[in-house]
Every structure is written in C-alpha cells, then in structure tokens.
Amino acid sequence: MRLIPIHCEACMRTALVSETALVNGLVACAECGARARALPGESYSEDDAVLFNDLVAMLREAAITPQNAAQLGMELDARSHENPGRGLRRLAQVLPSLGILELIVAHKPTPMRKAEGMLALLLDALASSRNRQSGFIPAAPTSAETQLKRVKTGEGEG
C-alpha cells in the first residue's frame, strides 16, 4: 500500500495516509478533523512509516517553528546524493536531537537518502505554514528552494 504524506494547517500535524483515503488531494486530519492537504513529492511504503513518524515526532518535540523550518531546510539544501548523510550531519549540528538519526539509519546510503528526503518534505511543509499564516499564499506550488529564497529575502511578508 502506498502512503502519501499530508499536512494539516489547522493543527500543524503531518502524517502518512493511504493514497485511497485522499479525495482531490485532501483528507480529514485524524487529529483535529480539519482538511489536510497531500504534500507533493514522494510516496512511501508501510516499511517507511516508522522512520517518517519518528522524524515527525523529533521535529514536534524540538518545537520547530515555520521560520526555524525554513532555516533548517537551507541546511538540507546542501544534501548530496553522492554523499548521503551530509545533510543529516549538518542538521544535527544545528538541532542536536536529530543526531540520533545517524544511529537509526546506520550510515547506510539508501536509508540516509530517504531520511534526508523525508526531513526536506517535513521542513518544507512547516516552512510553507509561515507563508500561509502571514496571509501570503503562492499562486502556484513552489519548490522548497523558491520558498527558502522568499524566506531569506522576506518577500511576501506584509
């Protein structure tokens, strides 16, 4: 079964749901009942759910704000497919609670790449909440790189 990441703007929760639960890219948030939107990008298998949920919990426990998420996302911009884990190490320097990830993914390239991709997705979802909370809503979906550039320049804040 394919699992799709969703994000609820109302309660700031991110979770995985079965692709069959989505209707036009939306689903009711299991936490608060508001509409949650599917996040663009990757889909996951049931085997990936534990890592995804661990990452969600780590970010929640760290009380990551939308602005912090954008800054941390910039650290992940340096991730490399040839050198997996580089982005995780950079993030762990800024957010020590993520240091445990290196143990979880055991320095194996494929799980490291997957963890970095999941973190990029989660941080992007949190960072995009900043734009929505400020009243700025992009006309079209933008990439994480474009959103981070907007955060750096303050574009779209009013």
N, C-alpha and C. Protein backbone atom coordinates (compact mmCIF):
# COMPACT_ATOMS: atom_id res chain seq x y z
N MET A 1 0.84 -1.18 0.00
CA MET A 1 0.00 0.00 0.00
C MET A 1 0.89 1.24 0.00
N ARG A 2 0.57 2.18 -0.89
CA ARG A 2 1.30 3.44 -0.94
C ARG A 2 0.75 4.41 0.10
N LEU A 3 1.67 5.06 0.81
CA LEU A 3 1.28 6.06 1.80
C LEU A 3 1.72 7.43 1.31
N ILE A 4 0.83 8.39 1.46
CA ILE A 4 1.06 9.75 1.00
C ILE A 4 1.18 10.66 2.22
N PRO A 5 2.20 11.53 2.25
CA PRO A 5 2.31 12.48 3.36
C PRO A 5 1.26 13.59 3.22
N ILE A 6 0.66 13.93 4.34
CA ILE A 6 -0.32 15.03 4.38
C ILE A 6 0.08 16.01 5.47
N HIS A 7 -0.41 17.24 5.34
CA HIS A 7 -0.13 18.26 6.35
C HIS A 7 -1.40 19.04 6.62
N CYS A 8 -1.72 19.22 7.89
CA CYS A 8 -2.88 19.98 8.32
C CYS A 8 -2.42 21.35 8.81
N GLU A 9 -2.90 22.39 8.15
CA GLU A 9 -2.54 23.75 8.55
C GLU A 9 -3.19 24.14 9.88
N ALA A 10 -4.35 23.57 10.17
CA ALA A 10 -5.08 23.93 11.39
C ALA A 10 -4.33 23.53 12.65
N CYS A 11 -3.81 22.30 12.69
CA CYS A 11 -3.14 21.83 13.90
C CYS A 11 -1.64 21.58 13.69
N MET A 12 -1.16 21.87 12.48
CA MET A 12 0.25 21.75 12.15
C MET A 12 0.77 20.31 12.23
N ARG A 13 -0.11 19.34 12.03
CA ARG A 13 0.28 17.93 12.07
C ARG A 13 0.60 17.44 10.67
N THR A 14 1.58 16.57 10.60
CA THR A 14 1.94 15.90 9.36
C THR A 14 1.85 14.41 9.62
N ALA A 15 1.32 13.67 8.67
CA ALA A 15 1.14 12.24 8.84
C ALA A 15 1.16 11.55 7.49
N LEU A 16 1.14 10.24 7.53
CA LEU A 16 1.01 9.44 6.32
C LEU A 16 -0.38 8.83 6.28
N VAL A 17 -0.99 8.85 5.09
CA VAL A 17 -2.30 8.22 4.91
C VAL A 17 -2.25 7.38 3.65
N SER A 18 -3.12 6.43 3.57
CA SER A 18 -3.25 5.60 2.37
C SER A 18 -3.68 6.49 1.21
N GLU A 19 -3.11 6.24 0.05
CA GLU A 19 -3.48 7.06 -1.10
C GLU A 19 -4.97 6.96 -1.41
N THR A 20 -5.60 5.86 -1.02
CA THR A 20 -7.03 5.70 -1.29
C THR A 20 -7.88 6.58 -0.38
N ALA A 21 -7.32 7.11 0.71
CA ALA A 21 -8.06 7.97 1.62
C ALA A 21 -8.20 9.39 1.07
N LEU A 22 -7.36 9.76 0.12
CA LEU A 22 -7.36 11.11 -0.42
C LEU A 22 -8.48 11.32 -1.44
N VAL A 23 -9.11 12.47 -1.37
CA VAL A 23 -10.10 12.87 -2.36
C VAL A 23 -9.66 14.25 -2.87
N ASN A 24 -9.27 14.30 -4.13
CA ASN A 24 -8.76 15.54 -4.73
C ASN A 24 -7.60 16.12 -3.92
N GLY A 25 -6.73 15.26 -3.41
CA GLY A 25 -5.56 15.70 -2.67
C GLY A 25 -5.83 16.13 -1.25
N LEU A 26 -7.03 15.89 -0.75
CA LEU A 26 -7.39 16.29 0.61
C LEU A 26 -7.91 15.11 1.39
N VAL A 27 -7.79 15.21 2.72
CA VAL A 27 -8.31 14.20 3.63
C VAL A 27 -8.57 14.89 4.97
N ALA A 28 -9.49 14.35 5.75
CA ALA A 28 -9.74 14.91 7.08
C ALA A 28 -8.56 14.56 7.98
N CYS A 29 -8.07 15.55 8.72
CA CYS A 29 -6.98 15.34 9.66
C CYS A 29 -7.47 14.44 10.79
N ALA A 30 -6.72 13.40 11.07
CA ALA A 30 -7.10 12.47 12.14
C ALA A 30 -7.00 13.12 13.52
N GLU A 31 -6.22 14.18 13.63
CA GLU A 31 -6.01 14.84 14.92
C GLU A 31 -7.13 15.84 15.24
N CYS A 32 -7.46 16.71 14.27
CA CYS A 32 -8.40 17.79 14.57
C CYS A 32 -9.65 17.79 13.68
N GLY A 33 -9.66 17.00 12.62
CA GLY A 33 -10.82 16.94 11.74
C GLY A 33 -10.82 17.96 10.61
N ALA A 34 -9.91 18.91 10.64
CA ALA A 34 -9.82 19.90 9.56
C ALA A 34 -9.31 19.23 8.29
N ARG A 35 -9.37 19.93 7.18
CA ARG A 35 -8.86 19.36 5.93
C ARG A 35 -7.34 19.44 5.90
N ALA A 36 -6.73 18.33 5.58
CA ALA A 36 -5.28 18.25 5.43
C ALA A 36 -4.99 18.02 3.96
N ARG A 37 -3.92 18.62 3.48
CA ARG A 37 -3.57 18.51 2.06
C ARG A 37 -2.43 17.54 1.86
N ALA A 38 -2.46 16.86 0.73
CA ALA A 38 -1.36 15.96 0.36
C ALA A 38 -0.15 16.82 0.05
N LEU A 39 1.01 16.37 0.49
CA LEU A 39 2.26 17.07 0.20
C LEU A 39 2.84 16.54 -1.11
N PRO A 40 3.30 17.43 -1.95
CA PRO A 40 3.85 16.98 -3.24
C PRO A 40 5.17 16.26 -3.03
N GLY A 41 5.48 15.38 -3.94
CA GLY A 41 6.78 14.70 -3.88
C GLY A 41 6.64 13.21 -3.72
N GLU A 42 7.30 12.71 -2.72
CA GLU A 42 7.44 11.27 -2.55
C GLU A 42 6.22 10.61 -1.94
N SER A 43 6.09 9.33 -2.22
CA SER A 43 5.14 8.49 -1.50
C SER A 43 5.99 7.42 -0.81
N TYR A 44 5.40 6.77 0.17
CA TYR A 44 6.17 5.83 0.99
C TYR A 44 5.45 4.50 1.12
N SER A 45 6.21 3.51 1.54
CA SER A 45 5.63 2.19 1.81
C SER A 45 5.35 2.08 3.31
N GLU A 46 4.67 1.02 3.69
CA GLU A 46 4.39 0.81 5.11
C GLU A 46 5.70 0.66 5.90
N ASP A 47 6.74 0.12 5.26
CA ASP A 47 8.03 -0.03 5.93
C ASP A 47 8.66 1.31 6.29
N ASP A 48 8.29 2.37 5.57
CA ASP A 48 8.85 3.70 5.80
C ASP A 48 8.13 4.46 6.91
N ALA A 49 6.97 3.97 7.31
CA ALA A 49 6.12 4.71 8.25
C ALA A 49 6.79 4.96 9.59
N VAL A 50 7.55 3.99 10.11
CA VAL A 50 8.19 4.17 11.41
C VAL A 50 9.19 5.32 11.36
N LEU A 51 10.05 5.33 10.35
CA LEU A 51 11.04 6.41 10.22
C LEU A 51 10.33 7.75 10.05
N PHE A 52 9.32 7.81 9.19
CA PHE A 52 8.58 9.05 8.97
C PHE A 52 7.98 9.56 10.28
N ASN A 53 7.31 8.68 11.01
CA ASN A 53 6.68 9.08 12.27
C ASN A 53 7.71 9.49 13.31
N ASP A 54 8.87 8.83 13.32
CA ASP A 54 9.95 9.24 14.24
C ASP A 54 10.43 10.64 13.91
N LEU A 55 10.58 10.94 12.62
CA LEU A 55 11.02 12.28 12.22
C LEU A 55 9.98 13.33 12.58
N VAL A 56 8.72 13.03 12.36
CA VAL A 56 7.65 13.96 12.73
C VAL A 56 7.71 14.23 14.24
N ALA A 57 7.87 13.17 15.03
CA ALA A 57 7.93 13.32 16.49
C ALA A 57 9.15 14.14 16.92
N MET A 58 10.30 13.89 16.30
CA MET A 58 11.51 14.64 16.65
C MET A 58 11.32 16.13 16.37
N LEU A 59 10.75 16.46 15.22
CA LEU A 59 10.54 17.86 14.88
C LEU A 59 9.51 18.50 15.80
N ARG A 60 8.47 17.75 16.16
CA ARG A 60 7.44 18.29 17.07
C ARG A 60 8.04 18.53 18.46
N GLU A 61 8.81 17.58 18.95
CA GLU A 61 9.43 17.73 20.28
C GLU A 61 10.42 18.88 20.30
N ALA A 62 11.05 19.15 19.17
CA ALA A 62 12.00 20.25 19.08
C ALA A 62 11.29 21.60 18.94
N ALA A 63 9.96 21.59 18.84
CA ALA A 63 9.15 22.81 18.73
C ALA A 63 9.63 23.68 17.57
N ILE A 64 9.76 23.06 16.41
CA ILE A 64 10.21 23.76 15.22
C ILE A 64 9.12 24.72 14.74
N THR A 65 9.47 25.98 14.63
CA THR A 65 8.53 26.99 14.11
C THR A 65 8.68 27.03 12.59
N PRO A 66 7.72 27.64 11.91
CA PRO A 66 7.85 27.76 10.45
C PRO A 66 9.15 28.47 10.04
N GLN A 67 9.54 29.51 10.76
CA GLN A 67 10.78 30.21 10.42
C GLN A 67 12.00 29.30 10.65
N ASN A 68 12.01 28.58 11.77
CA ASN A 68 13.10 27.63 12.02
C ASN A 68 13.15 26.56 10.95
N ALA A 69 11.97 26.10 10.52
CA ALA A 69 11.91 25.07 9.50
C ALA A 69 12.55 25.55 8.20
N ALA A 70 12.30 26.79 7.85
CA ALA A 70 12.90 27.34 6.63
C ALA A 70 14.42 27.40 6.76
N GLN A 71 14.91 27.82 7.92
CA GLN A 71 16.35 27.88 8.14
C GLN A 71 16.98 26.49 8.11
N LEU A 72 16.33 25.52 8.75
CA LEU A 72 16.84 24.16 8.75
C LEU A 72 16.79 23.55 7.35
N GLY A 73 15.75 23.91 6.61
CA GLY A 73 15.64 23.44 5.24
C GLY A 73 16.82 23.89 4.40
N MET A 74 17.33 25.09 4.68
CA MET A 74 18.50 25.58 3.96
C MET A 74 19.72 24.69 4.23
N GLU A 75 19.80 24.16 5.44
CA GLU A 75 20.89 23.24 5.77
C GLU A 75 20.80 21.97 4.93
N LEU A 76 19.57 21.53 4.66
CA LEU A 76 19.38 20.33 3.86
C LEU A 76 19.61 20.58 2.37
N ASP A 77 19.58 21.84 1.95
CA ASP A 77 19.85 22.14 0.55
C ASP A 77 21.22 21.62 0.14
N ALA A 78 22.10 21.47 1.10
CA ALA A 78 23.46 21.01 0.81
C ALA A 78 23.56 19.49 0.73
N ARG A 79 22.41 18.81 0.85
CA ARG A 79 22.48 17.35 0.82
C ARG A 79 22.95 16.89 -0.55
N SER A 80 23.56 15.73 -0.55
CA SER A 80 24.18 15.22 -1.76
C SER A 80 23.81 13.77 -1.95
N HIS A 81 23.43 13.42 -3.18
CA HIS A 81 23.12 12.02 -3.46
C HIS A 81 24.38 11.18 -3.52
N GLU A 82 25.51 11.82 -3.83
CA GLU A 82 26.77 11.08 -3.85
C GLU A 82 27.32 10.88 -2.44
N ASN A 83 26.98 11.78 -1.53
CA ASN A 83 27.48 11.72 -0.16
C ASN A 83 26.29 11.76 0.80
N PRO A 84 25.46 10.70 0.82
CA PRO A 84 24.29 10.72 1.69
C PRO A 84 24.69 10.84 3.15
N GLY A 85 23.88 11.56 3.90
CA GLY A 85 24.15 11.77 5.32
C GLY A 85 24.73 13.13 5.60
N ARG A 86 25.25 13.79 4.58
CA ARG A 86 25.85 15.11 4.78
C ARG A 86 24.80 16.09 5.32
N GLY A 87 23.61 16.07 4.73
CA GLY A 87 22.54 16.95 5.19
C GLY A 87 22.11 16.63 6.61
N LEU A 88 22.06 15.34 6.94
CA LEU A 88 21.70 14.94 8.31
C LEU A 88 22.73 15.44 9.31
N ARG A 89 24.00 15.32 8.96
CA ARG A 89 25.05 15.79 9.87
C ARG A 89 24.98 17.30 10.06
N ARG A 90 24.71 18.02 8.99
CA ARG A 90 24.59 19.49 9.10
C ARG A 90 23.40 19.86 9.99
N LEU A 91 22.28 19.16 9.82
CA LEU A 91 21.11 19.43 10.65
C LEU A 91 21.37 19.08 12.11
N ALA A 92 22.06 17.98 12.35
CA ALA A 92 22.35 17.55 13.72
C ALA A 92 23.23 18.57 14.45
N GLN A 93 24.05 19.30 13.71
CA GLN A 93 24.87 20.34 14.32
C GLN A 93 24.00 21.49 14.83
N VAL A 94 22.95 21.80 14.07
CA VAL A 94 22.05 22.89 14.43
C VAL A 94 20.99 22.43 15.42
N LEU A 95 20.53 21.20 15.25
CA LEU A 95 19.46 20.64 16.08
C LEU A 95 19.93 19.29 16.62
N PRO A 96 20.63 19.30 17.75
CA PRO A 96 21.24 18.08 18.27
C PRO A 96 20.29 16.89 18.44
N SER A 97 19.01 17.13 18.66
CA SER A 97 18.08 16.00 18.83
C SER A 97 18.00 15.14 17.57
N LEU A 98 18.39 15.67 16.43
CA LEU A 98 18.38 14.89 15.19
C LEU A 98 19.63 14.01 15.06
N GLY A 99 20.58 14.15 15.96
CA GLY A 99 21.79 13.34 15.92
C GLY A 99 21.51 11.86 16.00
N ILE A 100 20.42 11.49 16.64
CA ILE A 100 20.05 10.08 16.77
C ILE A 100 19.76 9.46 15.40
N LEU A 101 19.46 10.29 14.41
CA LEU A 101 19.16 9.77 13.07
C LEU A 101 20.31 8.97 12.49
N GLU A 102 21.53 9.41 12.77
CA GLU A 102 22.66 8.67 12.23
C GLU A 102 22.68 7.24 12.76
N LEU A 103 22.22 7.04 13.98
CA LEU A 103 22.13 5.69 14.52
C LEU A 103 20.96 4.94 13.90
N ILE A 104 19.84 5.64 13.72
CA ILE A 104 18.64 5.00 13.18
C ILE A 104 18.87 4.49 11.77
N VAL A 105 19.53 5.29 10.94
CA VAL A 105 19.74 4.90 9.54
C VAL A 105 21.08 4.19 9.35
N ALA A 106 21.84 4.06 10.40
CA ALA A 106 23.06 3.23 10.46
C ALA A 106 24.06 3.47 9.32
N HIS A 107 24.23 4.71 8.93
CA HIS A 107 25.23 5.07 7.91
C HIS A 107 25.06 4.31 6.60
N LYS A 108 23.86 3.87 6.32
CA LYS A 108 23.58 3.18 5.06
C LYS A 108 23.04 4.20 4.07
N PRO A 109 23.59 4.24 2.85
CA PRO A 109 23.22 5.29 1.90
C PRO A 109 21.73 5.39 1.60
N THR A 110 21.06 4.29 1.34
CA THR A 110 19.65 4.37 0.96
C THR A 110 18.78 4.91 2.09
N PRO A 111 18.88 4.39 3.32
CA PRO A 111 18.07 4.97 4.41
C PRO A 111 18.45 6.43 4.71
N MET A 112 19.72 6.78 4.54
CA MET A 112 20.12 8.17 4.77
C MET A 112 19.47 9.10 3.77
N ARG A 113 19.48 8.69 2.50
CA ARG A 113 18.83 9.50 1.47
C ARG A 113 17.33 9.63 1.76
N LYS A 114 16.72 8.52 2.17
CA LYS A 114 15.29 8.53 2.46
C LYS A 114 15.00 9.48 3.63
N ALA A 115 15.80 9.40 4.69
CA ALA A 115 15.61 10.27 5.86
C ALA A 115 15.79 11.73 5.47
N GLU A 116 16.79 12.02 4.66
CA GLU A 116 17.01 13.40 4.22
C GLU A 116 15.83 13.90 3.39
N GLY A 117 15.32 13.04 2.51
CA GLY A 117 14.16 13.42 1.70
C GLY A 117 12.93 13.67 2.56
N MET A 118 12.72 12.80 3.55
CA MET A 118 11.58 12.98 4.44
C MET A 118 11.71 14.28 5.23
N LEU A 119 12.91 14.53 5.75
CA LEU A 119 13.12 15.78 6.51
C LEU A 119 12.90 17.00 5.63
N ALA A 120 13.39 16.96 4.40
CA ALA A 120 13.19 18.08 3.49
C ALA A 120 11.69 18.32 3.28
N LEU A 121 10.94 17.26 3.09
CA LEU A 121 9.49 17.35 2.89
C LEU A 121 8.82 17.94 4.13
N LEU A 122 9.17 17.43 5.31
CA LEU A 122 8.56 17.88 6.55
C LEU A 122 8.90 19.34 6.85
N LEU A 123 10.16 19.70 6.66
CA LEU A 123 10.57 21.08 6.91
C LEU A 123 9.91 22.03 5.91
N ASP A 124 9.78 21.60 4.66
CA ASP A 124 9.11 22.42 3.65
C ASP A 124 7.65 22.65 4.03
N ALA A 125 6.97 21.60 4.52
CA ALA A 125 5.58 21.75 4.94
C ALA A 125 5.46 22.74 6.09
N LEU A 126 6.36 22.63 7.06
CA LEU A 126 6.33 23.57 8.19
C LEU A 126 6.66 24.99 7.74
N ALA A 127 7.64 25.14 6.88
CA ALA A 127 8.04 26.46 6.40
C ALA A 127 6.92 27.10 5.58
N SER A 128 6.20 26.31 4.80
CA SER A 128 5.12 26.88 3.99
C SER A 128 3.98 27.36 4.87
N SER A 129 3.89 26.84 6.09
CA SER A 129 2.86 27.31 7.02
C SER A 129 3.11 28.76 7.38
N ARG A 130 4.36 29.18 7.39
CA ARG A 130 4.70 30.57 7.69
C ARG A 130 4.08 31.49 6.65
N ASN A 131 4.18 31.10 5.39
CA ASN A 131 3.60 31.92 4.34
C ASN A 131 2.09 31.98 4.46
N ARG A 132 1.45 30.86 4.78
CA ARG A 132 0.01 30.85 4.90
C ARG A 132 -0.45 31.64 6.13
N GLN A 133 0.30 31.57 7.22
CA GLN A 133 -0.08 32.29 8.42
C GLN A 133 0.09 33.79 8.25
N SER A 134 1.00 34.22 7.38
CA SER A 134 1.23 35.64 7.18
C SER A 134 0.25 36.23 6.18
N GLY A 135 -0.61 35.37 5.60
CA GLY A 135 -1.56 35.84 4.61
C GLY A 135 -1.04 35.73 3.20
N PHE A 136 0.19 35.32 3.03
CA PHE A 136 0.79 35.15 1.70
C PHE A 136 0.55 33.73 1.23
N ILE A 137 -0.16 33.59 0.13
CA ILE A 137 -0.40 32.26 -0.44
C ILE A 137 0.13 32.27 -1.86
N PRO A 138 1.10 31.40 -2.18
CA PRO A 138 1.64 31.37 -3.53
C PRO A 138 0.55 31.05 -4.55
N ALA A 139 0.63 31.68 -5.73
CA ALA A 139 -0.34 31.44 -6.79
C ALA A 139 -0.23 30.02 -7.33
N ALA A 140 0.96 29.47 -7.31
CA ALA A 140 1.19 28.12 -7.80
C ALA A 140 2.14 27.43 -6.82
N PRO A 141 2.08 26.11 -6.74
CA PRO A 141 3.01 25.41 -5.84
C PRO A 141 4.45 25.77 -6.20
N THR A 142 5.25 26.02 -5.17
CA THR A 142 6.64 26.37 -5.40
C THR A 142 7.54 25.33 -4.79
N SER A 143 8.75 25.24 -5.29
CA SER A 143 9.71 24.27 -4.75
C SER A 143 10.24 24.78 -3.42
N ALA A 144 10.83 23.89 -2.67
CA ALA A 144 11.42 24.27 -1.38
C ALA A 144 12.48 25.35 -1.59
N GLU A 145 13.25 25.23 -2.67
CA GLU A 145 14.30 26.20 -2.93
C GLU A 145 13.72 27.60 -3.11
N THR A 146 12.63 27.71 -3.86
CA THR A 146 12.00 29.01 -4.09
C THR A 146 11.43 29.56 -2.80
N GLN A 147 10.79 28.69 -2.00
CA GLN A 147 10.23 29.14 -0.73
C GLN A 147 11.32 29.62 0.22
N LEU A 148 12.43 28.91 0.26
CA LEU A 148 13.52 29.32 1.14
C LEU A 148 14.10 30.65 0.70
N LYS A 149 14.17 30.87 -0.61
CA LYS A 149 14.66 32.15 -1.12
C LYS A 149 13.74 33.27 -0.67
N ARG A 150 12.42 33.01 -0.70
CA ARG A 150 11.45 34.02 -0.24
C ARG A 150 11.62 34.31 1.24
N VAL A 151 11.89 33.26 2.02
CA VAL A 151 12.09 33.46 3.45
C VAL A 151 13.32 34.31 3.70
N LYS A 152 14.40 34.02 2.94
CA LYS A 152 15.65 34.78 3.10
C LYS A 152 15.46 36.26 2.80
N THR A 153 14.70 36.57 1.74
CA THR A 153 14.55 37.94 1.32
C THR A 153 13.38 38.64 1.99
N GLY A 154 12.51 37.87 2.65
CA GLY A 154 11.34 38.45 3.29
C GLY A 154 10.22 38.74 2.32
N GLU A 155 10.35 38.29 1.07
CA GLU A 155 9.34 38.52 0.04
C GLU A 155 8.03 37.87 0.45
N GLY A 156 6.95 38.56 0.27
CA GLY A 156 5.65 38.00 0.55
C GLY A 156 5.16 38.25 1.96
N GLU A 157 5.98 38.85 2.80
CA GLU A 157 5.54 39.16 4.16
C GLU A 157 4.98 40.56 4.17
N GLY A 158 3.97 40.74 4.96
CA GLY A 158 3.37 42.06 4.89
C GLY A 158 3.21 42.63 6.22
